[in-house]
Every structure is written in structure tokens, then in C-alpha cells.
Protein backbone atom coordinates (compact mmCIF):
# COMPACT_ATOMS: atom_id res chain seq x y z
CA MET A 1 104.73 119.72 127.69
CA ALA A 2 107.72 118.24 126.82
CA LYS A 3 108.36 117.09 123.57
CA ILE A 4 108.39 112.86 122.99
CA LYS A 5 111.59 111.07 122.45
CA VAL A 6 111.50 109.22 119.36
CA GLY A 7 114.22 106.75 117.51
CA VAL A 8 114.19 104.55 114.56
CA ALA A 9 115.77 101.73 113.72
CA GLY A 10 116.64 101.03 110.15
CA TYR A 11 117.28 103.81 107.80
CA GLY A 12 115.98 101.97 104.05
CA THR A 13 113.15 103.05 101.97
CA ILE A 14 110.51 103.39 104.89
CA GLY A 15 112.92 104.25 107.91
CA GLN A 16 114.39 107.16 106.08
CA ARG A 17 110.97 108.89 105.26
CA LEU A 18 109.97 108.13 109.39
CA ALA A 19 113.18 109.93 110.43
CA ASP A 20 111.81 112.97 107.97
CA GLY A 21 107.99 112.50 109.33
CA VAL A 22 109.43 112.93 113.05
CA ALA A 23 111.68 115.62 112.57
CA GLN A 24 108.33 117.47 111.00
CA GLN A 25 106.57 117.07 114.15
CA GLY A 26 106.71 119.76 116.16
CA ASP A 27 105.53 117.98 119.34
CA MET A 28 108.56 115.41 118.86
CA GLU A 29 112.16 114.87 118.81
CA LEU A 30 113.93 112.49 116.77
CA VAL A 31 116.92 111.41 118.95
CA GLY A 32 118.43 109.21 116.17
CA ILE A 33 118.36 106.37 113.55
CA ALA A 34 119.99 103.00 113.53
CA ASP A 35 121.84 100.76 111.27
CA LEU A 36 123.92 98.43 110.32
CA ALA A 37 126.16 99.51 107.75
CA PRO A 38 126.92 102.29 105.19
CA THR A 39 124.85 102.36 102.83
CA LEU A 40 123.88 104.70 99.95
CA SER A 41 120.80 106.00 102.18
CA ILE A 42 123.68 106.28 105.14
CA ARG A 43 126.04 108.15 102.77
CA ALA A 44 123.43 110.68 101.31
CA LEU A 45 122.65 111.63 104.50
CA HIS A 46 126.60 112.33 105.37
CA GLU A 47 126.71 114.25 102.56
CA LYS A 48 123.54 116.52 103.36
CA GLY A 49 125.11 117.37 106.72
CA MET A 50 124.22 114.79 108.91
CA PRO A 51 121.07 116.61 110.19
CA TYR A 52 120.38 112.76 112.28
CA ASP A 53 122.59 111.47 115.11
CA LEU A 54 123.26 107.94 113.85
CA TYR A 55 123.63 104.81 116.48
CA LEU A 56 125.49 101.30 115.33
CA VAL A 57 123.24 98.28 115.64
CA ASP A 58 124.90 95.11 117.07
CA GLY A 59 127.08 93.17 114.34
CA GLY A 60 127.96 96.44 112.49
CA ASP A 61 131.52 97.44 111.84
CA LYS A 62 132.19 101.17 113.22
CA SER A 63 135.74 101.51 111.31
CA GLN A 64 133.39 101.26 107.90
CA PHE A 65 131.99 104.47 108.85
CA GLU A 66 134.86 105.94 110.36
CA ALA A 67 136.50 105.38 106.87
CA LEU A 68 134.09 107.33 105.56
CA GLY A 69 134.15 109.96 107.91
CA ILE A 70 130.46 109.11 108.97
CA PRO A 71 130.30 109.61 112.59
CA VAL A 72 128.54 107.36 115.31
CA SER A 73 126.99 108.59 118.20
CA GLY A 74 126.79 105.52 119.65
CA THR A 75 125.38 101.93 119.89
CA PHE A 76 121.51 100.75 119.17
CA ASN A 77 121.24 100.22 123.18
CA ASP A 78 122.50 103.86 123.81
CA LEU A 79 119.84 104.89 121.51
CA ILE A 80 116.91 102.89 122.79
CA ASP A 81 117.96 104.20 126.48
CA LYS A 82 117.30 108.10 125.28
CA VAL A 83 114.04 107.44 123.81
CA ASP A 84 110.05 107.28 124.93
CA ILE A 85 109.25 105.27 121.56
CA MET A 86 110.98 103.49 118.70
CA LEU A 87 110.13 102.77 115.10
CA ASP A 88 111.02 99.86 113.88
CA SER A 89 111.50 99.70 109.99
CA SER A 90 113.80 96.99 110.26
CA PRO A 91 114.06 93.98 107.69
CA GLY A 92 111.09 91.52 108.57
CA GLY A 93 111.71 89.28 111.53
CA VAL A 94 113.96 91.82 112.78
CA GLY A 95 111.86 93.80 114.65
CA ALA A 96 110.63 91.11 116.30
CA LYS A 97 113.92 90.23 117.78
CA ASN A 98 114.85 93.97 118.83
CA LYS A 99 111.43 93.96 121.02
CA GLU A 100 113.06 91.59 123.31
CA ILE A 101 115.37 94.39 124.04
CA TYR A 102 112.53 97.28 124.13
CA GLU A 103 110.62 95.18 126.62
CA LYS A 104 113.81 94.65 128.77
CA LYS A 105 114.21 98.88 128.76
CA GLY A 106 110.80 99.35 128.81
CA VAL A 107 110.48 101.31 125.69
CA LYS A 108 107.60 101.62 123.69
CA ALA A 109 108.05 100.64 119.81
CA ILE A 110 105.90 100.99 116.50
CA PHE A 111 106.30 98.24 113.97
CA GLN A 112 105.79 98.31 110.11
CA GLY A 113 103.65 96.12 108.02
CA GLY A 114 106.41 93.11 107.37
CA GLU A 115 106.15 92.13 110.92
CA LYS A 116 103.71 89.25 112.03
CA ASN A 117 100.64 91.01 113.67
CA SER A 118 101.67 88.87 116.78
CA VAL A 119 104.68 91.26 117.61
CA ALA A 120 102.03 94.30 118.54
CA ASP A 121 99.47 95.07 121.24
CA VAL A 122 96.75 96.49 118.35
CA PHE A 123 96.96 96.07 114.75
CA PHE A 124 96.98 100.00 114.06
CA HIS A 125 95.39 102.58 111.48
CA GLY A 126 95.18 106.05 112.43
CA TYR A 127 91.34 106.69 110.86
CA ALA A 128 89.85 103.15 111.64
CA ASN A 129 90.90 102.36 115.17
CA TYR A 130 92.86 105.26 116.49
CA GLU A 131 91.63 104.98 120.05
CA LYS A 132 92.27 101.24 120.43
CA GLY A 133 96.01 102.01 120.30
CA VAL A 134 95.93 104.79 123.16
CA ASN A 135 98.72 104.01 125.66
CA LYS A 136 99.46 101.02 124.40
CA ASP A 137 103.25 99.62 124.45
CA TYR A 138 103.21 97.80 121.03
CA LEU A 139 101.48 98.62 117.53
CA LYS A 140 102.10 97.80 113.98
CA LEU A 141 101.10 99.50 111.23
CA THR A 142 99.08 97.94 108.30
CA SER A 143 100.92 97.74 104.67
CA CYS A 144 100.77 100.52 102.45
CA ASN A 145 98.27 98.95 100.19
CA THR A 146 96.16 98.21 103.21
CA THR A 147 96.71 101.54 104.97
CA GLY A 148 95.67 103.32 101.56
CA LEU A 149 92.76 100.77 100.96
CA ILE A 150 91.52 101.56 104.55
CA ARG A 151 91.65 105.12 104.33
CA SER A 152 89.18 105.10 101.52
CA VAL A 153 86.75 102.33 102.60
CA ASP A 154 86.65 104.19 106.27
CA CYS A 155 85.88 106.99 104.68
CA LEU A 156 82.73 105.67 103.13
CA ASP A 157 81.94 104.10 105.84
CA ARG A 158 82.18 106.98 108.32
CA ALA A 159 80.10 108.71 105.99
CA TYR A 160 77.19 105.97 104.72
CA GLY A 161 77.99 102.67 106.43
CA ILE A 162 79.97 99.81 104.41
CA GLU A 163 78.80 95.99 104.28
CA ARG A 164 81.44 94.54 102.27
CA VAL A 165 84.16 95.20 99.40
CA ALA A 166 85.95 93.39 96.58
CA ILE A 167 89.23 94.61 95.56
CA THR A 168 91.81 94.22 92.87
CA ILE A 169 95.41 94.77 93.67
CA ILE A 170 97.80 95.91 90.99
CA ARG A 171 100.64 95.64 92.70
CA ARG A 172 104.11 97.16 92.08
CA VAL A 173 106.84 94.80 91.94
CA ALA A 174 109.71 96.39 93.38
CA ASP A 175 110.50 99.84 94.82
CA PRO A 176 112.53 102.27 92.66
CA GLY A 177 116.12 101.14 93.01
CA ASP A 178 115.74 97.76 93.96
CA TYR A 179 117.75 94.96 91.88
CA HIS A 180 117.01 91.81 94.10
CA ARG A 181 113.60 90.86 92.38
CA GLY A 182 115.37 90.57 88.88
CA LEU A 183 113.97 92.15 85.68
CA THR A 184 110.88 90.79 84.94
CA ASN A 185 108.49 91.13 81.70
CA ALA A 186 105.14 89.23 83.11
CA LEU A 187 102.48 89.60 85.51
CA GLN A 188 102.02 87.41 88.29
CA MET A 189 98.91 86.11 90.34
CA ASP A 190 98.56 85.48 94.11
CA LYS A 191 95.90 83.26 95.66
CA ALA A 192 92.69 84.74 96.79
CA PRO A 193 91.76 86.39 98.95
CA SER A 194 94.78 88.90 99.48
CA HIS A 195 96.14 89.52 102.65
CA GLN A 196 95.44 93.12 102.10
CA ALA A 197 91.71 92.20 102.46
CA VAL A 198 92.14 89.87 105.30
CA ASP A 199 93.53 92.63 107.20
CA LEU A 200 90.91 94.92 106.40
CA MET A 201 88.76 92.88 108.11
CA THR A 202 90.98 92.41 111.11
CA ILE A 203 91.21 96.36 111.16
CA MET A 204 87.21 96.65 110.34
CA PRO A 205 85.93 93.62 111.47
CA HIS A 206 82.14 94.59 110.62
CA ILE A 207 82.90 94.55 106.85
CA ASN A 208 83.40 91.68 104.65
CA ALA A 209 86.16 91.67 102.43
CA THR A 210 87.86 89.90 99.56
CA GLY A 211 90.30 90.58 97.20
CA ILE A 212 92.81 89.58 94.49
CA LEU A 213 96.39 90.46 93.53
CA VAL A 214 98.72 91.00 90.91
CA HIS A 215 101.93 92.05 90.70
CA THR A 216 103.40 93.91 87.78
CA PRO A 217 106.70 94.93 86.67
CA VAL A 218 106.76 98.52 87.45
CA THR A 219 107.76 100.37 90.62
CA HIS A 220 105.79 103.92 90.94
CA GLY A 221 102.70 102.85 93.14
CA HIS A 222 100.45 100.36 93.59
CA ILE A 223 96.55 100.75 91.94
CA ILE A 224 93.57 99.33 93.54
CA THR A 225 90.20 99.04 92.19
CA VAL A 226 87.19 98.29 95.07
CA VAL A 227 83.78 97.77 94.96
CA ALA A 228 82.11 98.55 97.46
CA THR A 229 78.45 97.51 98.97
CA GLY A 230 76.95 100.16 101.29
CA LYS A 231 73.95 99.88 103.96
CA GLN A 232 72.43 102.50 101.49
CA LYS A 233 72.91 102.98 97.86
CA ILE A 234 75.89 105.46 97.13
CA THR A 235 75.85 107.31 94.56
CA LYS A 236 78.67 108.81 92.67
CA GLU A 237 78.18 112.03 93.98
CA MET A 238 77.80 111.11 97.47
CA ALA A 239 81.07 108.98 97.38
CA LEU A 240 82.81 112.15 95.55
CA GLU A 241 81.67 114.40 98.18
CA ALA A 242 83.03 112.11 101.12
CA PHE A 243 86.29 111.76 99.31
CA GLU A 244 86.91 115.25 98.73
CA LYS A 245 86.41 116.22 102.42
CA HIS A 246 89.12 113.61 103.48
CA PRO A 247 92.82 115.16 104.18
CA ARG A 248 95.06 111.93 102.86
CA ILE A 249 92.70 111.48 99.71
CA ARG A 250 93.78 113.40 96.71
CA VAL A 251 90.81 113.30 94.19
CA VAL A 252 91.81 113.49 90.59
CA ARG A 253 91.10 113.21 86.95
CA ILE A 254 92.34 111.69 84.14
CA ASP A 255 91.66 114.76 81.63
CA ASP A 256 93.73 116.73 83.94
CA GLY A 257 96.57 114.52 83.25
CA PHE A 258 96.56 112.14 86.08
CA LYS A 259 96.82 109.06 83.67
CA GLY A 260 97.83 106.77 86.32
CA ASN A 261 100.64 105.95 88.67
CA ALA A 262 103.46 107.40 87.19
CA SER A 263 101.63 110.32 86.48
CA LEU A 264 101.28 110.97 90.47
CA PHE A 265 104.77 110.12 90.93
CA LYS A 266 105.91 112.93 88.58
CA TYR A 267 103.37 115.68 90.09
CA ALA A 268 105.02 114.92 93.34
CA ARG A 269 108.38 115.24 92.17
CA ASP A 270 107.22 118.92 90.01
CA LEU A 271 105.40 120.13 93.72
CA GLY A 272 109.67 119.30 95.07
CA ASN A 273 108.24 116.91 97.37
CA PRO A 274 111.38 114.98 98.75
CA ARG A 275 112.24 111.55 96.99
CA GLY A 276 108.75 112.25 94.92
CA ASP A 277 107.06 111.10 98.12
CA MET A 278 103.00 111.76 98.85
CA TYR A 279 101.41 111.64 102.01
CA GLU A 280 97.91 111.59 100.36
CA ILE A 281 96.61 108.97 98.66
CA GLY A 282 95.28 109.47 94.64
CA LEU A 283 91.35 108.66 94.04
CA TRP A 284 90.58 108.76 90.47
CA GLU A 285 87.15 110.92 90.00
CA ASP A 286 86.76 109.32 86.34
CA SER A 287 86.55 106.05 87.93
CA ILE A 288 83.73 106.43 90.50
CA VAL A 289 80.78 104.34 89.19
CA GLU A 290 77.53 102.79 90.45
CA SER A 291 76.67 99.32 89.78
CA GLY A 292 73.24 98.50 90.93
CA ASN A 293 73.47 99.11 94.81
CA ASP A 294 77.45 98.92 94.69
CA ILE A 295 79.97 101.77 94.51
CA MET A 296 83.19 101.41 92.56
CA TYR A 297 86.37 103.06 92.18
CA ALA A 298 90.20 103.01 91.98
CA ILE A 299 93.27 104.51 93.90
CA ASN A 300 97.11 105.10 93.87
CA ILE A 301 98.87 103.82 96.46
CA PRO A 302 102.34 105.75 96.78
CA GLN A 303 104.09 102.91 98.33
CA GLU A 304 107.43 104.39 99.81
CA SER A 305 105.66 107.25 101.87
CA VAL A 306 101.78 106.08 102.27
CA THR A 307 102.49 104.61 106.01
CA ILE A 308 104.16 107.64 107.06
CA PRO A 309 101.17 109.50 108.53
CA GLU A 310 99.85 106.86 109.89
CA THR A 311 102.61 106.14 111.77
CA MET A 312 102.94 109.31 113.24
CA ASP A 313 99.31 108.88 114.40
CA ALA A 314 100.97 105.63 116.00
CA ILE A 315 103.37 107.59 118.40
CA ARG A 316 100.41 110.30 119.06
CA ALA A 317 97.94 107.02 120.16
CA ALA A 318 100.41 105.05 122.24
CA CYS A 319 102.18 107.77 123.78
CA GLY A 320 98.77 109.45 125.16
CA MET A 321 99.45 112.54 123.08
CA GLN A 322 95.97 112.97 121.80
CA THR A 323 93.30 110.08 123.19
CA ASP A 324 91.01 111.24 120.31
CA GLY A 325 91.43 109.68 116.59
CA ALA A 326 90.13 113.09 115.06
CA GLU A 327 92.63 115.15 116.68
CA GLY A 328 95.63 113.02 116.57
CA THR A 329 95.15 112.79 112.91
CA ALA A 330 94.50 116.21 112.50
CA LYS A 331 97.82 117.03 114.29
CA THR A 332 99.82 114.93 112.12
CA ASN A 333 98.19 116.32 108.98
CA GLU A 334 99.08 119.86 110.32
CA TYR A 335 102.88 119.20 111.22
CA LEU A 336 103.24 117.19 107.43
CA ASN A 337 101.04 119.88 105.87
CA ILE A 338 98.45 117.06 104.26
CA GLY A 339 95.38 118.10 102.60
CA ARG A 340 96.98 122.08 101.73
CA PHE A 341 95.88 121.54 98.35
CA LYS A 342 92.27 121.00 99.22
């Protein structure tokens, strides 16, 4: 079977990781990436030997790349003509404009969480609704927080059944290296319910969800606490058993040194993971507690990399590579070496 040919639009925080993720898939071919300017990400790619072909989006100045010795393989349209599917990680709103080009050329596309849901046929999550994305032309991924949140809720829902959840998100304010949000020393409340709770209900309409979000002046990961009400009482032992089986959930303990978000980021760097990325969410065993008939737990969301596996799932679904969700997610996990620590 011929490999699925994939292109990436936007080589920023997510685009870099999408390109690397596709390159690791044995049944996919990364045709190239597209961007506007010779950013630090592009310069680093060049310094690493330019492993990916670069295409220039409209408005880009080719001479800027030539001045730095960075080769350009063609235009954005040239890239689209060579692929089966585009992964669009352009800035919010740009993806919707790019969709007009994809439609004209008959090319499938997958959009990241920054776009509006209306850009896609299906609001997609690899575990919770994989089959709904099979052979669809346009899918949109959930945000980083929603992706990890749904992983954990879907895990319990499949094992025991979940009726409702209440979440609190302690949200990092910016990615490492971002300056545009300024220098802060404050926490900021969002109005309830948070979009993550609303998004969860869109993906999993059988669950009632609500949530609160607090912005925090940190960069290495979000933390979410979840209070879940099961269709039956879920004990700590039952929850832990389900979580430990999930390939994309890493159960950790405070006494082992996992004191918070920075501990998980440092551990990923110590593992030698590129950019300190971790595809799995961290879930503290120490945080799993019973409250009446409810179960409560806390997870860490590595915001820069957590959506990459689900995006690989989306390619598999949209292109009909695997029509069964369990098979599709398992293949993604295999190529990304997810769950190897279990």
C-alpha cells in the first residue's frame, strides 16, 4: 500500500512537532512544510541539515531565505498539489482561508484547535470519536487541554461509564519563548464554563460537563483537576487500574519526584525527548481520591506536544488507513513509541 503523502502548513510550535510526528509514521510520507518567513524554527531546521523540504506561502519573500542559504522547494500551491492531506497549523483564522485552496484542489485537511469548529466536518478526538472522522475531508482537533482531558474521561467512561464531570484548569499563560503576553505576576480568572468543558460535551454528548479556568504565569504545562461522577461508584483502585492500562496516560507519584508540571517537563528532557516533549499526559496517583460517589484526580497537559498523537490518528481516520479507532490509535502509538514505559 502506498504511503499517505502529508504536508504541514505553518512551522511554529505545533507545526514543528506535527512534521516530526509524520516523519516517524512508517506508513506516511512528509512531503514538506510551508511557512512565511525565516523564523528561528526555520533557521534551526536549516542548521540541522534541512531534513524537510520548505515551501513558501503567499506573501513570503524568497530573497530573505536565499540570503540565509535556506533552500525553498516551491510555493504553497506546489506543496498542496503533491499531497493527499494537509495538516494546517497556521495562526488562528488563516486555516479557514487556506481551506478554500484545499477545497479547490480536492485535498483533505486537518486543522488545529485555534480554528473555529465550523471549519471542519468533524470535531475530532482519536479515542473518543475516531470512527466519526473516517473518510471525512476536513477534521479539526481539540485544544491541548481538551485533548488530554478527554483522554482521561474517555478512559473511565469506556471502563465504567461516566455521567458528568466538573473540571478546574490551571492554565499556563504562554509557551516557552513567547513574549507577546508580557511579564506577569498574577492569576486571572475566566468566565465559567470553560470552553474545554463545552468542547468535551461536543465530542462526548452523553456526558454533562462544566469547568473553571485560571491563567497562571508559567509556561511548562497545564494542570487539570477532574471530579467525575460514574454510572456506578468508581473506587480509587478501579480508576487507577483503568488509567494504568491507557497508553497515552502516564501514572506518576509525588514521592518519586513528580512534584508538578516542571518535574514532568524535566523528566522528558532527561529521557532525551526532542524539545522536552511528552506525548502522554501525566496523572498523579496521589491525586486520585473518592468523594462520596465521585472520583477526583489531577492531570498534567504538555501543551506543545499532547495533540500530536491525536493528529496522527486524524490522518489515519480521514484517509481511511484504519477504519477502527482501536487499530488506528494503536498504529499511531507504535510509530511514536507511546506507552513504551508501561
